[in-house]
Amino acid sequence: MDAIGQFFAMGGYAAYVWPAFAIVLVVMALMWFTGIHGWRKSEQTLAALRSNRRQREGDAE
């Protein structure tokens, strides 16, 4: 059980390691969320453009 405590203490550098780890996790999560949001927005834009194109091609006939 002492080995786990030593691991989390990181040899005395825990005050630097764990906040850095948390910052990386937060940044990665934000990048993931913004990527998903951008992807969904692009899908909506593409669907609207395809619908508009179908409508224009239908009007041309």
Protein backbone atom coordinates (compact mmCIF):
# COMPACT_ATOMS: atom_id res chain seq x y z
CA MET A 1 0.00 0.00 0.00
CA ASP A 2 2.97 2.29 0.59
CA ALA A 3 4.02 1.89 -3.04
CA ILE A 4 0.77 3.51 -4.18
CA GLY A 5 1.41 6.47 -1.89
CA GLN A 6 4.91 6.82 -3.29
CA PHE A 7 3.53 6.70 -6.80
CA PHE A 8 1.02 9.49 -6.12
CA ALA A 9 3.72 11.53 -4.36
CA MET A 10 5.81 11.31 -7.56
CA GLY A 11 9.05 11.57 -5.66
CA GLY A 12 8.11 14.97 -4.26
CA TYR A 13 7.04 16.39 -7.61
CA ALA A 14 3.33 15.67 -7.24
CA ALA A 15 2.55 19.39 -6.86
CA TYR A 16 3.80 19.86 -10.43
CA VAL A 17 2.86 16.58 -12.08
CA TRP A 18 -0.82 16.26 -11.13
CA PRO A 19 -1.88 19.83 -12.01
CA ALA A 20 -0.08 19.49 -15.35
CA PHE A 21 -1.86 16.18 -15.93
CA ALA A 22 -5.21 17.81 -15.09
CA ILE A 23 -4.53 20.72 -17.46
CA VAL A 24 -3.71 18.31 -20.28
CA LEU A 25 -6.92 16.36 -19.65
CA VAL A 26 -9.00 19.55 -19.67
CA VAL A 27 -7.39 20.81 -22.88
CA MET A 28 -7.85 17.44 -24.60
CA ALA A 29 -11.51 17.32 -23.52
CA LEU A 30 -12.10 20.84 -24.84
CA MET A 31 -10.46 19.93 -28.14
CA TRP A 32 -12.67 16.86 -28.39
CA PHE A 33 -15.85 18.81 -27.63
CA THR A 34 -15.03 21.59 -30.09
CA GLY A 35 -14.15 19.01 -32.74
CA ILE A 36 -17.46 17.22 -32.30
CA HIS A 37 -19.33 20.54 -32.36
CA GLY A 38 -17.54 21.62 -35.55
CA TRP A 39 -18.21 18.27 -37.17
CA ARG A 40 -21.94 18.47 -36.40
CA LYS A 41 -22.11 22.03 -37.67
CA SER A 42 -20.35 20.99 -40.89
CA GLU A 43 -22.78 18.10 -41.33
CA GLN A 44 -25.72 20.50 -40.97
CA THR A 45 -24.20 22.91 -43.47
CA LEU A 46 -23.56 20.09 -45.93
CA ALA A 47 -27.13 18.83 -45.58
CA ALA A 48 -28.47 22.34 -46.22
CA LEU A 49 -26.25 22.76 -49.29
CA ARG A 50 -27.32 19.39 -50.68
CA SER A 51 -30.98 20.26 -50.10
CA ASN A 52 -30.50 23.62 -51.81
CA ARG A 53 -28.79 21.94 -54.77
CA ARG A 54 -31.57 19.38 -55.16
CA GLN A 55 -34.12 22.19 -55.04
CA ARG A 56 -32.29 24.20 -57.72
CA GLU A 57 -31.90 21.16 -59.98
CA GLY A 58 -35.61 20.42 -59.57
CA ASP A 59 -36.49 24.01 -60.54
CA ALA A 60 -34.26 23.87 -63.64
CA GLU A 61 -36.20 20.96 -65.12
